[in-house]
N, C-alpha and C. Protein backbone atom coordinates (compact mmCIF):
# COMPACT_ATOMS: atom_id res chain seq x y z
N MET A 1 110.97 115.20 127.20
CA MET A 1 110.09 113.89 126.57
C MET A 1 110.84 113.42 125.60
N ALA A 2 110.61 111.92 125.82
CA ALA A 2 111.14 111.11 124.63
C ALA A 2 110.43 110.71 123.60
N SER A 3 110.83 111.07 122.25
CA SER A 3 110.08 110.57 121.30
C SER A 3 110.41 109.42 120.83
N CYS A 4 109.41 108.62 120.21
CA CYS A 4 109.43 107.46 119.71
C CYS A 4 109.23 107.36 118.12
N SER A 5 110.36 106.99 117.44
CA SER A 5 110.37 107.20 116.11
C SER A 5 110.52 105.61 115.50
N VAL A 6 109.64 105.43 114.52
CA VAL A 6 109.58 104.19 113.84
C VAL A 6 110.48 104.16 112.63
N ALA A 7 111.38 103.18 112.64
CA ALA A 7 112.53 103.02 111.40
C ALA A 7 111.66 103.06 110.35
N ALA A 8 112.47 103.44 109.17
CA ALA A 8 112.07 103.38 107.74
C ALA A 8 111.81 102.02 107.20
N PRO A 9 110.88 101.80 106.79
CA PRO A 9 110.77 100.28 106.17
C PRO A 9 111.60 99.93 104.97
N GLU A 10 111.95 98.84 104.77
CA GLU A 10 112.66 98.36 103.78
C GLU A 10 111.88 98.16 102.40
N MET A 11 110.54 97.81 102.57
CA MET A 11 109.63 97.77 101.57
C MET A 11 108.19 97.69 102.11
N ILE A 12 107.57 98.31 101.08
CA ILE A 12 105.82 98.54 101.28
C ILE A 12 105.03 97.85 100.14
N ASN A 13 104.36 97.28 100.29
CA ASN A 13 103.35 97.02 99.33
C ASN A 13 101.74 97.50 99.74
N PHE A 14 101.12 97.99 98.83
CA PHE A 14 99.82 98.30 99.20
C PHE A 14 99.01 98.69 97.82
N VAL A 15 97.69 98.88 98.15
CA VAL A 15 96.60 99.02 96.93
C VAL A 15 95.99 100.32 97.05
N ALA A 16 95.89 100.97 96.09
CA ALA A 16 95.18 102.18 96.00
C ALA A 16 93.88 101.88 95.16
N VAL A 17 92.81 101.69 95.72
CA VAL A 17 91.68 101.46 94.97
C VAL A 17 91.00 102.85 94.35
N GLY A 18 90.52 102.85 93.32
CA GLY A 18 89.90 104.22 92.80
C GLY A 18 90.49 104.29 91.32
N LEU A 19 90.19 105.48 90.74
CA LEU A 19 90.30 105.72 89.19
C LEU A 19 91.49 106.19 89.08
N PRO A 20 92.96 105.48 88.49
CA PRO A 20 93.98 106.27 88.38
C PRO A 20 93.82 107.36 87.29
N SER A 21 94.48 108.56 87.85
CA SER A 21 94.35 109.82 87.03
C SER A 21 95.57 110.33 86.61
N PRO A 22 95.81 110.69 85.44
CA PRO A 22 97.03 111.38 85.14
C PRO A 22 97.56 112.61 85.75
N GLY A 23 99.14 112.96 85.94
CA GLY A 23 99.44 114.16 86.57
C GLY A 23 99.21 114.96 85.27
N GLY A 24 98.65 115.84 85.11
CA GLY A 24 98.42 116.75 83.88
C GLY A 24 99.72 117.66 83.79
N SER A 25 99.44 118.37 82.56
CA SER A 25 100.68 119.47 82.37
C SER A 25 100.46 120.62 83.22
N LYS A 26 101.30 121.29 83.39
CA LYS A 26 101.29 122.49 84.46
C LYS A 26 100.78 123.54 83.53
N SER A 27 99.91 124.57 83.95
CA SER A 27 99.51 125.52 83.52
C SER A 27 100.00 126.86 84.55
N ALA A 28 100.45 128.01 83.95
CA ALA A 28 100.74 129.22 84.62
C ALA A 28 99.99 130.43 84.41
N PHE A 29 99.52 131.23 85.34
CA PHE A 29 98.72 132.49 84.79
C PHE A 29 99.08 133.42 85.90
N ARG A 30 98.88 134.65 85.48
CA ARG A 30 99.22 135.83 86.40
C ARG A 30 97.89 135.91 87.24
N ASN A 31 97.90 136.05 88.54
CA ASN A 31 96.61 136.38 89.22
C ASN A 31 96.51 137.86 89.20
N PRO A 32 95.29 138.28 88.48
CA PRO A 32 95.12 139.78 88.33
C PRO A 32 95.05 140.62 89.42
N ARG A 33 94.54 140.09 90.73
CA ARG A 33 94.46 141.04 91.84
C ARG A 33 95.82 140.91 92.49
N THR A 34 96.72 139.99 92.69
CA THR A 34 97.97 139.98 93.36
C THR A 34 99.09 140.38 92.30
N GLY A 35 99.05 139.83 91.16
CA GLY A 35 100.10 140.12 90.35
C GLY A 35 101.07 138.76 90.29
N ARG A 36 100.81 137.94 91.16
CA ARG A 36 101.62 136.73 91.49
C ARG A 36 101.51 135.67 90.28
N ILE A 37 102.56 135.09 89.99
CA ILE A 37 102.27 133.93 88.86
C ILE A 37 101.62 132.77 89.77
N VAL A 38 100.57 132.00 89.30
CA VAL A 38 100.17 130.53 89.90
C VAL A 38 100.25 129.53 88.94
N VAL A 39 100.90 128.62 89.63
CA VAL A 39 100.90 127.29 88.75
C VAL A 39 100.12 126.40 89.08
N VAL A 40 99.30 125.62 88.31
CA VAL A 40 98.25 124.78 88.65
C VAL A 40 98.20 123.58 87.80
N ASP A 41 97.95 122.29 88.12
CA ASP A 41 97.99 121.24 87.46
C ASP A 41 96.71 121.04 86.69
N ALA A 42 96.81 120.80 85.38
CA ALA A 42 95.66 120.53 84.55
C ALA A 42 94.93 119.56 84.74
N GLY A 43 95.12 118.57 85.85
CA GLY A 43 94.48 117.10 85.94
C GLY A 43 93.00 117.53 86.37
N GLY A 44 93.01 118.66 87.32
CA GLY A 44 91.63 118.89 87.89
C GLY A 44 91.16 117.95 89.12
N LYS A 45 89.89 117.74 89.25
CA LYS A 45 89.44 117.03 90.35
C LYS A 45 89.73 115.66 90.46
N LYS A 46 89.74 114.92 89.42
CA LYS A 46 90.18 113.49 89.18
C LYS A 46 91.51 113.29 89.72
N THR A 47 92.37 113.99 89.30
CA THR A 47 93.62 113.90 89.84
C THR A 47 93.97 114.21 91.12
N ARG A 48 93.33 115.15 91.73
CA ARG A 48 93.27 115.58 93.14
C ARG A 48 92.89 114.19 93.88
N THR A 49 91.68 113.72 93.50
CA THR A 49 90.96 112.51 94.29
C THR A 49 92.05 111.40 94.18
N TRP A 50 92.67 111.15 93.10
CA TRP A 50 93.40 109.99 92.88
C TRP A 50 94.56 110.12 93.60
N ARG A 51 95.15 111.38 93.69
CA ARG A 51 96.46 111.60 94.46
C ARG A 51 96.16 111.48 95.98
N ASN A 52 95.14 111.85 96.39
CA ASN A 52 94.34 111.66 97.97
C ASN A 52 94.35 110.14 98.23
N THR A 53 93.79 109.43 97.23
CA THR A 53 93.63 108.08 97.33
C THR A 53 94.71 107.49 97.51
N VAL A 54 95.90 107.74 96.69
CA VAL A 54 97.22 107.12 96.83
C VAL A 54 97.99 107.57 98.15
N ALA A 55 97.81 108.71 98.47
CA ALA A 55 98.50 109.43 99.76
C ALA A 55 98.20 108.47 100.86
N HIS A 56 96.73 108.43 101.01
CA HIS A 56 96.24 107.76 102.13
C HIS A 56 96.35 106.24 102.21
N ALA A 57 96.52 105.58 101.20
CA ALA A 57 96.86 104.22 101.02
C ALA A 57 98.40 104.16 101.47
N ALA A 58 99.36 105.04 101.13
CA ALA A 58 100.64 104.98 101.39
C ALA A 58 101.10 105.14 102.66
N ARG A 59 100.24 106.28 103.28
CA ARG A 59 100.47 106.68 104.65
C ARG A 59 100.05 105.49 105.77
N ALA A 60 99.12 104.60 105.20
CA ALA A 60 98.72 103.44 106.16
C ALA A 60 99.65 102.53 105.85
N ALA A 61 100.35 102.26 104.73
CA ALA A 61 101.48 101.26 104.65
C ALA A 61 102.59 101.50 105.22
N MET A 62 103.08 102.89 105.54
CA MET A 62 104.03 103.42 105.90
C MET A 62 103.97 103.13 107.52
N ARG A 63 102.85 102.93 108.10
CA ARG A 63 102.57 102.68 109.48
C ARG A 63 103.51 103.65 110.45
N GLY A 64 103.43 105.10 109.96
CA GLY A 64 104.38 105.97 111.03
C GLY A 64 105.77 105.85 110.55
N GLY A 65 106.20 105.16 109.82
CA GLY A 65 107.77 104.90 109.76
C GLY A 65 108.34 106.26 109.11
N GLU A 66 109.75 106.27 109.12
CA GLU A 66 110.38 107.51 108.48
C GLU A 66 110.19 107.01 107.24
N LEU A 67 110.81 108.22 106.43
CA LEU A 67 110.71 108.06 104.98
C LEU A 67 111.98 106.96 104.39
N MET A 68 111.45 106.21 103.62
CA MET A 68 112.37 105.27 103.11
C MET A 68 113.51 105.76 102.51
N GLN A 69 114.78 105.03 102.62
CA GLN A 69 116.15 105.34 102.32
C GLN A 69 116.31 105.08 100.79
N PRO A 70 116.95 105.85 100.02
CA PRO A 70 117.37 105.54 98.74
C PRO A 70 118.43 104.56 98.48
N PRO A 71 118.85 103.83 97.23
CA PRO A 71 118.25 103.80 96.14
C PRO A 71 116.78 103.16 96.36
N LEU A 72 115.80 103.62 95.76
CA LEU A 72 114.61 102.98 95.63
C LEU A 72 114.12 102.28 94.29
N CYS A 73 113.38 101.17 94.35
CA CYS A 73 112.74 100.76 93.23
C CYS A 73 111.15 100.95 93.44
N LEU A 74 110.56 101.13 92.24
CA LEU A 74 109.10 101.23 92.45
C LEU A 74 108.34 100.49 91.27
N VAL A 75 107.46 99.58 91.96
CA VAL A 75 106.75 98.82 90.92
C VAL A 75 105.27 98.86 91.16
N ILE A 76 104.62 99.18 90.03
CA ILE A 76 103.30 99.66 89.73
C ILE A 76 102.58 99.01 88.87
N GLU A 77 101.28 98.39 89.15
CA GLU A 77 100.39 97.88 88.06
C GLU A 77 99.32 98.65 88.25
N PHE A 78 98.97 99.43 87.08
CA PHE A 78 97.77 100.44 87.42
C PHE A 78 96.59 99.38 86.72
N ARG A 79 95.57 99.52 87.28
CA ARG A 79 94.26 98.44 86.78
C ARG A 79 93.26 99.43 86.49
N MET A 80 93.18 99.47 85.12
CA MET A 80 92.04 100.83 84.43
C MET A 80 90.92 99.98 84.26
N PRO A 81 89.71 100.79 84.47
CA PRO A 81 88.33 100.08 84.08
C PRO A 81 88.24 99.82 82.66
N ARG A 82 87.33 98.60 82.43
CA ARG A 82 87.21 98.43 80.89
C ARG A 82 86.23 99.07 80.31
N PRO A 83 86.07 99.55 79.04
CA PRO A 83 85.11 100.27 78.67
C PRO A 83 83.70 99.10 78.56
N LYS A 84 82.64 99.73 78.48
CA LYS A 84 81.52 98.86 78.16
C LYS A 84 81.50 98.07 76.84
N SER A 85 82.04 98.94 75.83
CA SER A 85 82.18 98.12 74.64
C SER A 85 82.89 96.94 74.69
N HIS A 86 83.89 96.65 75.65
CA HIS A 86 84.27 95.35 75.76
C HIS A 86 83.66 94.07 76.14
N TYR A 87 82.33 94.39 76.52
CA TYR A 87 81.33 93.47 77.26
C TYR A 87 80.30 92.97 76.18
N LYS A 88 80.13 91.62 76.35
CA LYS A 88 78.85 91.13 75.72
C LYS A 88 77.49 91.67 76.72
N ALA A 89 76.42 91.53 75.98
CA ALA A 89 75.29 91.95 76.68
C ALA A 89 74.80 91.02 77.86
N ASN A 90 75.50 89.78 77.91
CA ASN A 90 75.54 88.92 79.19
C ASN A 90 76.65 89.36 80.32
N GLY A 91 77.32 90.08 80.06
CA GLY A 91 78.25 90.65 80.95
C GLY A 91 79.65 90.17 80.58
N GLU A 92 79.83 89.05 80.02
CA GLU A 92 81.16 88.49 79.71
C GLU A 92 82.08 89.39 78.90
N ILE A 93 83.41 89.16 79.09
CA ILE A 93 84.12 90.13 78.28
C ILE A 93 84.02 89.29 76.84
N LYS A 94 84.26 90.31 75.64
CA LYS A 94 84.15 89.95 74.21
C LYS A 94 85.37 89.29 74.04
N GLN A 95 85.65 88.19 73.08
CA GLN A 95 86.74 87.47 72.76
C GLN A 95 87.70 88.50 72.13
N ASP A 96 87.40 89.51 71.37
CA ASP A 96 88.39 90.51 70.61
C ASP A 96 88.65 91.60 71.66
N ALA A 97 88.24 91.60 72.84
CA ALA A 97 88.57 92.66 73.59
C ALA A 97 90.08 92.78 74.00
N PRO A 98 90.85 93.77 73.93
CA PRO A 98 92.21 94.04 74.33
C PRO A 98 92.39 93.68 75.68
N TRP A 99 93.56 93.02 75.80
CA TRP A 99 94.06 92.89 77.30
C TRP A 99 94.60 94.17 77.91
N PHE A 100 95.18 94.91 77.44
CA PHE A 100 95.96 96.03 77.75
C PHE A 100 95.51 97.35 77.28
N PRO A 101 95.31 98.47 77.95
CA PRO A 101 94.69 99.67 77.43
C PRO A 101 96.01 100.26 76.74
N ILE A 102 95.39 100.40 75.44
CA ILE A 102 96.35 101.38 74.57
C ILE A 102 95.79 102.62 74.07
N VAL A 103 95.25 103.33 75.15
CA VAL A 103 94.52 104.52 75.24
C VAL A 103 94.87 105.35 76.16
N ARG A 104 94.48 106.80 76.18
CA ARG A 104 94.87 107.74 77.16
C ARG A 104 94.06 107.38 78.42
N PRO A 105 94.71 107.65 79.48
CA PRO A 105 95.76 108.51 79.72
C PRO A 105 97.04 107.78 79.35
N ASP A 106 98.09 108.42 79.14
CA ASP A 106 99.35 107.32 78.97
C ASP A 106 100.08 107.09 80.21
N LEU A 107 100.87 106.19 80.19
CA LEU A 107 101.43 105.56 81.53
C LEU A 107 102.25 106.48 82.15
N THR A 108 103.09 107.30 81.25
CA THR A 108 103.89 108.35 82.17
C THR A 108 103.18 109.47 82.92
N LYS A 109 101.93 109.72 82.42
CA LYS A 109 101.23 110.67 83.12
C LYS A 109 100.60 109.99 84.44
N LEU A 110 100.20 108.73 84.50
CA LEU A 110 99.68 108.12 85.48
C LEU A 110 100.84 108.02 86.70
N LEU A 111 102.08 107.64 86.25
CA LEU A 111 103.18 107.43 86.92
C LEU A 111 103.44 108.79 87.73
N ARG A 112 103.42 109.91 86.95
CA ARG A 112 103.82 111.06 87.65
C ARG A 112 102.90 111.43 88.57
N SER A 113 101.51 111.26 88.25
CA SER A 113 100.74 111.85 89.46
C SER A 113 100.63 110.83 90.81
N THR A 114 100.95 109.57 90.71
CA THR A 114 101.19 108.61 91.53
C THR A 114 102.33 108.72 92.37
N GLU A 115 103.41 109.07 91.67
CA GLU A 115 104.61 109.34 92.29
C GLU A 115 104.45 110.75 93.05
N ASP A 116 104.03 111.62 92.61
CA ASP A 116 103.84 112.86 93.47
C ASP A 116 103.06 112.90 94.64
N ALA A 117 102.15 111.88 94.50
CA ALA A 117 101.06 111.66 95.77
C ALA A 117 101.83 110.98 96.76
N MET A 118 103.15 110.40 96.58
CA MET A 118 103.75 109.57 97.79
C MET A 118 105.03 110.47 98.12
N THR A 119 105.22 111.46 97.65
CA THR A 119 106.26 112.42 98.08
C THR A 119 106.08 112.99 99.21
N GLY A 120 107.05 112.91 100.13
CA GLY A 120 106.99 113.36 101.74
C GLY A 120 106.22 112.42 102.44
N ILE A 121 105.83 111.32 101.82
CA ILE A 121 105.09 110.32 102.73
C ILE A 121 105.89 109.04 102.75
N VAL A 122 106.39 108.52 101.61
CA VAL A 122 107.00 107.41 101.49
C VAL A 122 108.66 107.67 101.24
N TYR A 123 108.61 108.74 100.46
CA TYR A 123 110.23 109.10 100.29
C TYR A 123 110.18 110.75 100.15
N HIS A 124 111.59 111.26 100.29
CA HIS A 124 111.59 112.66 100.32
C HIS A 124 111.39 113.16 98.76
N ASP A 125 111.91 112.52 97.85
CA ASP A 125 111.68 112.99 96.38
C ASP A 125 111.69 111.94 95.49
N ASP A 126 111.02 111.95 94.49
CA ASP A 126 110.87 110.76 93.55
C ASP A 126 112.12 110.67 92.65
N ALA A 127 113.11 111.70 92.86
CA ALA A 127 114.41 111.56 92.33
C ALA A 127 115.18 110.24 92.95
N GLN A 128 114.74 109.80 94.04
CA GLN A 128 115.55 108.70 94.67
C GLN A 128 115.17 107.23 94.32
N ILE A 129 113.97 107.32 93.29
CA ILE A 129 113.69 106.15 92.68
C ILE A 129 114.72 105.96 91.70
N VAL A 130 115.29 104.69 91.48
CA VAL A 130 116.50 104.23 90.55
C VAL A 130 116.04 103.12 89.37
N GLN A 131 114.78 102.87 89.66
CA GLN A 131 114.57 101.47 88.96
C GLN A 131 112.97 101.37 88.89
N GLN A 132 112.38 101.40 88.07
CA GLN A 132 110.89 101.12 87.98
C GLN A 132 110.26 100.06 87.03
N ASN A 133 109.41 99.39 87.40
CA ASN A 133 108.52 98.37 86.65
C ASN A 133 107.19 98.85 86.41
N ILE A 134 106.53 99.72 85.45
CA ILE A 134 105.23 100.16 85.53
C ILE A 134 104.61 99.63 84.57
N HIS A 135 103.31 99.21 84.64
CA HIS A 135 102.41 98.57 83.58
C HIS A 135 100.87 98.68 83.86
N ARG A 136 100.29 98.75 82.86
CA ARG A 136 98.83 98.91 83.02
C ARG A 136 98.26 97.59 82.47
N THR A 137 96.92 97.34 82.89
CA THR A 137 96.22 96.21 82.45
C THR A 137 94.69 96.67 82.81
N TYR A 138 93.65 96.07 82.25
CA TYR A 138 92.49 96.40 82.33
C TYR A 138 91.99 95.50 83.72
N SER A 139 91.13 96.20 84.36
CA SER A 139 90.56 95.19 85.74
C SER A 139 89.28 94.41 85.17
N HIS A 140 89.12 93.46 85.65
CA HIS A 140 87.93 92.52 85.06
C HIS A 140 86.63 92.73 86.10
N SER A 141 86.78 93.69 86.97
CA SER A 141 85.73 93.77 87.78
C SER A 141 85.90 95.21 88.19
N ASP A 142 85.32 95.56 89.61
CA ASP A 142 85.14 96.80 90.07
C ASP A 142 86.40 97.41 90.83
N ASP A 143 87.71 96.71 90.46
CA ASP A 143 88.75 96.55 91.26
C ASP A 143 89.87 97.53 90.59
N SER A 144 89.46 98.84 90.11
CA SER A 144 90.21 99.81 89.33
C SER A 144 90.96 100.25 90.44
N GLY A 145 92.43 100.46 90.14
CA GLY A 145 93.24 101.35 90.78
C GLY A 145 94.69 100.91 90.61
N ALA A 146 95.57 100.76 91.64
CA ALA A 146 97.06 100.38 91.46
C ALA A 146 97.65 99.61 92.50
N ARG A 147 98.39 98.71 92.14
CA ARG A 147 99.09 98.01 93.19
C ARG A 147 100.39 98.43 93.20
N ILE A 148 100.97 98.89 94.17
CA ILE A 148 102.02 99.59 94.43
C ILE A 148 103.22 98.81 95.42
N SER A 149 104.32 98.67 94.87
CA SER A 149 105.39 98.30 95.78
C SER A 149 106.64 99.16 95.63
N ILE A 150 107.19 99.44 96.81
CA ILE A 150 108.51 100.28 96.79
C ILE A 150 109.43 99.61 97.76
N TYR A 151 110.54 99.37 97.27
CA TYR A 151 111.63 98.69 98.17
C TYR A 151 112.99 99.32 97.84
N THR A 152 113.74 99.48 99.15
CA THR A 152 115.22 99.67 99.00
C THR A 152 115.76 98.76 98.21
N MET A 153 116.70 99.03 97.27
CA MET A 153 117.38 98.40 96.44
C MET A 153 118.21 97.42 97.28
N THR A 154 118.57 97.59 98.35
CA THR A 154 119.84 96.69 98.99
C THR A 154 119.51 95.14 98.97
N TRP A 155 118.27 94.79 98.80
CA TRP A 155 117.89 93.41 98.71
C TRP A 155 118.68 92.62 97.34
N ARG A 156 119.01 93.45 96.29
CA ARG A 156 119.50 92.94 95.15
C ARG A 156 121.07 92.47 95.46
N THR A 157 121.79 92.92 96.34
CA THR A 157 122.95 92.76 96.63
C THR A 157 123.30 91.35 97.45
N GLY A 158 122.15 90.84 97.70
CA GLY A 158 122.28 89.45 98.64
C GLY A 158 122.11 89.77 100.31
N ALA A 159 122.17 91.16 100.44
CA ALA A 159 122.42 91.47 101.99
C ALA A 159 121.09 91.10 102.67
N LYS A 160 119.98 91.11 101.75
CA LYS A 160 118.62 91.06 102.44
C LYS A 160 118.11 90.00 101.41
N ASN A 161 117.20 89.14 101.68
CA ASN A 161 116.49 88.15 100.99
C ASN A 161 114.81 88.37 101.41
N SER A 162 114.10 89.20 100.49
CA SER A 162 112.68 89.44 100.85
C SER A 162 111.81 88.12 100.24
N LYS A 163 111.30 87.22 101.01
CA LYS A 163 110.14 86.33 100.27
C LYS A 163 109.15 86.95 99.80
N THR A 164 108.66 88.23 100.50
CA THR A 164 107.58 88.79 99.98
C THR A 164 107.90 89.54 98.71
N MET A 165 108.98 90.00 98.37
CA MET A 165 109.19 90.63 97.11
C MET A 165 109.56 89.75 96.15
N GLN A 166 110.03 88.46 96.38
CA GLN A 166 110.07 87.47 95.37
C GLN A 166 108.63 86.86 94.96
N ASP A 167 107.95 86.96 95.85
CA ASP A 167 106.42 86.54 95.55
C ASP A 167 105.86 87.35 94.70
N TRP A 168 106.13 88.81 94.96
CA TRP A 168 105.45 89.83 94.34
C TRP A 168 105.90 89.74 92.80
N CYS A 169 107.36 89.57 92.74
CA CYS A 169 107.88 89.61 91.37
C CYS A 169 107.42 88.43 90.55
N GLU A 170 107.27 87.30 91.23
CA GLU A 170 106.98 86.14 90.49
C GLU A 170 105.45 85.95 90.32
N GLY A 171 104.69 86.98 90.56
CA GLY A 171 103.02 86.96 90.53
C GLY A 171 102.43 86.21 91.45
N ARG A 172 102.86 85.75 92.53
CA ARG A 172 102.24 84.94 93.53
C ARG A 172 101.38 85.49 94.60
N GLN A 173 101.56 86.91 94.56
CA GLN A 173 100.82 87.92 95.43
C GLN A 173 99.60 88.39 94.54
N SER A 174 98.48 88.39 94.76
CA SER A 174 97.37 88.90 93.96
C SER A 174 97.05 90.14 94.44
N PHE A 175 96.28 91.04 93.74
CA PHE A 175 95.58 92.30 94.03
C PHE A 175 94.69 91.92 95.28
N ALA A 176 94.12 91.09 95.28
CA ALA A 176 93.15 90.59 96.51
C ALA A 176 93.94 90.30 97.58
N ASP A 177 95.01 89.44 97.31
CA ASP A 177 95.85 89.22 98.78
C ASP A 177 96.32 90.29 99.59
N ILE A 178 97.04 91.44 98.56
CA ILE A 178 97.33 92.56 99.29
C ILE A 178 96.24 93.30 99.81
N ARG A 179 95.01 93.36 99.21
CA ARG A 179 94.03 94.29 99.90
C ARG A 179 93.60 93.41 101.15
N LYS A 180 93.37 92.21 101.33
CA LYS A 180 93.26 91.53 102.43
C LYS A 180 94.22 91.75 103.54
N HIS A 181 95.46 91.57 103.01
CA HIS A 181 96.58 91.84 104.06
C HIS A 181 96.33 93.26 104.73
N ASP A 182 96.40 94.22 103.82
CA ASP A 182 96.09 95.66 104.30
C ASP A 182 95.18 95.90 105.13
N GLU A 183 93.91 95.43 104.84
CA GLU A 183 92.91 95.49 105.52
C GLU A 183 92.98 94.79 107.15
N ALA A 184 93.57 93.51 107.15
CA ALA A 184 93.86 92.96 108.47
C ALA A 184 94.97 93.84 109.03
N MET A 185 95.76 94.37 108.57
CA MET A 185 96.93 95.03 109.39
C MET A 185 96.25 96.43 109.85
N ALA A 186 95.12 96.99 108.94
CA ALA A 186 94.60 98.12 109.65
C ALA A 186 93.72 97.66 110.76
N ARG A 187 92.93 96.74 110.73
CA ARG A 187 92.08 96.23 111.93
C ARG A 187 92.90 96.26 113.07
N LYS A 188 94.31 95.35 112.78
CA LYS A 188 95.19 95.29 113.95
C LYS A 188 95.81 96.53 114.50
N ALA A 189 96.04 97.51 113.60
CA ALA A 189 96.63 98.77 114.06
C ALA A 189 95.35 99.45 114.87
N CYS A 190 94.08 99.55 114.43
CA CYS A 190 92.92 100.01 115.04
C CYS A 190 92.67 99.58 116.30
N ALA A 191 92.86 98.00 116.59
CA ALA A 191 92.40 97.55 117.77
C ALA A 191 93.53 97.83 118.56
N SER A 192 95.21 98.00 118.49
CA SER A 192 95.97 98.34 119.17
C SER A 192 95.78 99.85 119.73
N VAL A 193 95.18 100.62 118.75
CA VAL A 193 94.96 101.98 119.44
C VAL A 193 93.86 102.07 120.33
N ASP A 194 92.80 101.41 120.09
CA ASP A 194 91.48 101.20 121.04
C ASP A 194 91.89 100.65 122.21
N SER A 195 92.92 99.89 122.48
CA SER A 195 93.24 99.11 123.70
C SER A 195 94.13 99.89 124.53
């Protein structure tokens, strides 16, 4: 029986909608019954939920393709929920409310949990990422999450010219545009499976 394999994509863009949660520090303890050392992530349920959200969105974006080939570049915009104290009574954002979250969780821990969620789905190991552009902003509505793009670095050599990547880097693709695109692709994939 012949198998059908889908080639590795050169670039994927997707949105993971949810509350970004950090990859916590690791804790180790000896299981008193088995005597074995058990290592757990201190992030807890929120981190597991976030990693599942990212993994699901990444799997959909990969569309069954093989793991991406290194070297890879990772671009992530984390959109964090604004605290209620940033809003006026009428729901508008206060004039003096900050644009960027300068509070915990820190960016590197958010990145750690998000990279870990994509391991084995998008790439073999996050060590294959050679360049990153990571930042956090506040969301202005209920669209907390992360806008994620991963691409093979060969486009920078001139061998490939990706209009989608140029649009992404120059800010012409919005969070909502990517979500609409992802939803349309999901509907198209479901329609092809149903027929």
